[in-house]
C-alpha atoms as a PDB file:
ATOM      1  CA  MET A   1     -11.589   2.285   7.924  1.00  0.00           C
ATOM      2  CA  THR A   2      -8.023   1.300   7.162  1.00  0.00           C
ATOM      3  CA  SER A   3      -6.278   4.156   5.433  1.00  0.00           C
ATOM      4  CA  THR A   4      -3.056   3.774   3.515  1.00  0.00           C
ATOM      5  CA  PRO A   5      -2.583   6.945   1.442  1.00  0.00           C
ATOM      6  CA  THR A   6      -0.250   5.381  -1.087  1.00  0.00           C
ATOM      7  CA  ALA A   7      -2.015   2.013  -1.257  1.00  0.00           C
ATOM      8  CA  PRO A   8      -2.024   0.429  -4.710  1.00  0.00           C
ATOM      9  CA  VAL A   9      -5.531  -0.929  -4.113  1.00  0.00           C
ATOM     10  CA  THR A  10      -8.734   0.124  -2.384  1.00  0.00           C
ATOM     11  CA  MET A  11     -10.976  -2.574  -0.923  1.00  0.00           C
ATOM     12  CA  TYR A  12     -14.682  -1.800  -0.699  1.00  0.00           C
ATOM     13  CA  THR A  13     -16.278  -3.764   2.144  1.00  0.00           C
ATOM     14  CA  THR A  14     -19.150  -4.013   4.617  1.00  0.00           C
ATOM     15  CA  ASP A  15     -19.123  -4.826   8.324  1.00  0.00           C
ATOM     16  CA  TRP A  16     -20.881  -8.167   7.844  1.00  0.00           C
ATOM     17  CA  CYS A  17     -18.967  -9.573   4.844  1.00  0.00           C
ATOM     18  CA  GLY A  18     -17.049 -12.740   5.716  1.00  0.00           C
ATOM     19  CA  TYR A  19     -15.330 -12.757   2.317  1.00  0.00           C
ATOM     20  CA  CYS A  20     -14.030  -9.260   3.055  1.00  0.00           C
ATOM     21  CA  VAL A  21     -12.601 -10.330   6.406  1.00  0.00           C
ATOM     22  CA  ARG A  22     -10.891 -13.330   4.815  1.00  0.00           C
ATOM     23  CA  LEU A  23      -9.372 -11.321   1.956  1.00  0.00           C
ATOM     24  CA  LYS A  24      -8.185  -8.559   4.322  1.00  0.00           C
ATOM     25  CA  LYS A  25      -6.383 -11.131   6.469  1.00  0.00           C
ATOM     26  CA  LEU A  26      -4.779 -12.743   3.424  1.00  0.00           C
ATOM     27  CA  MET A  27      -3.634  -9.387   2.044  1.00  0.00           C
ATOM     28  CA  GLN A  28      -2.207  -8.398   5.430  1.00  0.00           C
ATOM     29  CA  ARG A  29      -0.396 -11.735   5.692  1.00  0.00           C
ATOM     30  CA  GLU A  30       1.062 -11.212   2.204  1.00  0.00           C
ATOM     31  CA  GLY A  31       2.132  -7.655   3.102  1.00  0.00           C
ATOM     32  CA  ILE A  32      -0.110  -6.036   0.485  1.00  0.00           C
ATOM     33  CA  PRO A  33      -1.039  -2.500   1.554  1.00  0.00           C
ATOM     34  CA  PHE A  34      -4.621  -1.426   0.911  1.00  0.00           C
ATOM     35  CA  ALA A  35      -7.105   1.259   1.786  1.00  0.00           C
ATOM     36  CA  GLU A  36     -10.492   0.096   3.028  1.00  0.00           C
ATOM     37  CA  VAL A  37     -13.811   1.840   2.427  1.00  0.00           C
ATOM     38  CA  ASN A  38     -17.021   0.574   4.009  1.00  0.00           C
ATOM     39  CA  ILE A  39     -19.844   1.079   1.506  1.00  0.00           C
ATOM     40  CA  GLU A  40     -22.431   1.088   4.288  1.00  0.00           C
ATOM     41  CA  HIS A  41     -20.926   4.353   5.554  1.00  0.00           C
ATOM     42  CA  ASP A  42     -20.053   5.967   2.192  1.00  0.00           C
ATOM     43  CA  ALA A  43     -22.815   6.439  -0.403  1.00  0.00           C
ATOM     44  CA  GLN A  44     -20.364   7.440  -3.150  1.00  0.00           C
ATOM     45  CA  ALA A  45     -18.362   4.276  -2.558  1.00  0.00           C
ATOM     46  CA  ALA A  46     -21.555   2.216  -2.756  1.00  0.00           C
ATOM     47  CA  GLU A  47     -22.321   3.827  -6.127  1.00  0.00           C
ATOM     48  CA  LEU A  48     -18.829   3.034  -7.384  1.00  0.00           C
ATOM     49  CA  VAL A  49     -19.232  -0.619  -6.336  1.00  0.00           C
ATOM     50  CA  MET A  50     -22.605  -0.801  -8.072  1.00  0.00           C
ATOM     51  CA  GLN A  51     -21.104   0.633 -11.284  1.00  0.00           C
ATOM     52  CA  ALA A  52     -18.329  -1.953 -11.206  1.00  0.00           C
ATOM     53  CA  ASN A  53     -20.779  -4.812 -10.587  1.00  0.00           C
ATOM     54  CA  GLY A  54     -23.713  -4.259 -12.920  1.00  0.00           C
ATOM     55  CA  GLY A  55     -25.846  -2.534 -10.285  1.00  0.00           C
ATOM     56  CA  ASN A  56     -25.023  -4.957  -7.464  1.00  0.00           C
ATOM     57  CA  ARG A  57     -23.436  -3.974  -4.148  1.00  0.00           C
ATOM     58  CA  THR A  58     -21.078  -6.953  -4.218  1.00  0.00           C
ATOM     59  CA  VAL A  59     -18.134  -6.929  -1.831  1.00  0.00           C
ATOM     60  CA  PRO A  60     -15.280  -7.246  -1.579  1.00  0.00           C
ATOM     61  CA  THR A  61     -14.706  -5.147  -4.667  1.00  0.00           C
ATOM     62  CA  LEU A  62     -11.110  -4.068  -5.180  1.00  0.00           C
ATOM     63  CA  LEU A  63     -10.172  -1.032  -7.245  1.00  0.00           C
ATOM     64  CA  PHE A  64      -6.549  -0.857  -8.313  1.00  0.00           C
ATOM     65  CA  ALA A  65      -4.570   2.309  -9.026  1.00  0.00           C
ATOM     66  CA  ASP A  66      -4.667   1.554 -12.773  1.00  0.00           C
ATOM     67  CA  GLY A  67      -8.495   1.565 -12.752  1.00  0.00           C
ATOM     68  CA  VAL A  68      -9.011  -2.210 -12.862  1.00  0.00           C
ATOM     69  CA  ALA A  69     -11.754  -3.533 -10.570  1.00  0.00           C
ATOM     70  CA  LEU A  70     -11.983  -7.117  -9.283  1.00  0.00           C
ATOM     71  CA  THR A  71     -14.959  -8.529  -7.408  1.00  0.00           C
ATOM     72  CA  ASN A  72     -14.402 -11.124  -4.697  1.00  0.00           C
ATOM     73  CA  PRO A  73     -10.955 -12.015  -6.049  1.00  0.00           C
ATOM     74  CA  SER A  74      -8.660 -14.698  -4.721  1.00  0.00           C
ATOM     75  CA  ILE A  75      -5.366 -13.619  -3.185  1.00  0.00           C
ATOM     76  CA  ASP A  76      -3.637 -14.989  -6.295  1.00  0.00           C
ATOM     77  CA  GLN A  77      -5.777 -12.755  -8.519  1.00  0.00           C
ATOM     78  CA  VAL A  78      -4.889  -9.747  -6.362  1.00  0.00           C
ATOM     79  CA  LYS A  79      -1.170 -10.525  -6.557  1.00  0.00           C
ATOM     80  CA  SER A  80      -1.384 -11.110 -10.317  1.00  0.00           C
ATOM     81  CA  GLN A  81      -3.145  -7.769 -10.879  1.00  0.00           C
ATOM     82  CA  LEU A  82      -0.603  -5.920  -8.744  1.00  0.00           C
ATOM     83  CA  SER A  83       2.226  -7.608 -10.654  1.00  0.00           C
ATOM     84  CA  SER A  84       0.660  -6.658 -14.007  1.00  0.00           C
ATOM     85  CA  ALA A  85       0.228  -3.054 -12.888  1.00  0.00           C
ATOM     86  CA  ALA A  86       3.861  -2.894 -11.718  1.00  0.00           C
ATOM     87  CA  GLU A  87       5.084  -4.133 -15.097  1.00  0.00           C
ATOM     88  CA  ALA A  88       3.059  -1.535 -17.028  1.00  0.00           C
END
């Protein structure tokens, strides 16, 4: 698990998710700090992901500090959400 205590976003992932790996690399390249939680090792996190996705355990699911959740977002969507949150 990647832990960044003051991260503006938490990424919920699994070990086998290629989309998660891709988005993590893009966020790291863009210098976007994030905390990572593997839903296969955290039942509460899995429940949170299911609530955000209509009962589905879809990853990557990102939860932003302002409470907004995005499922399998593009890097542009992540940057846009972070920009919107910073302006609020």
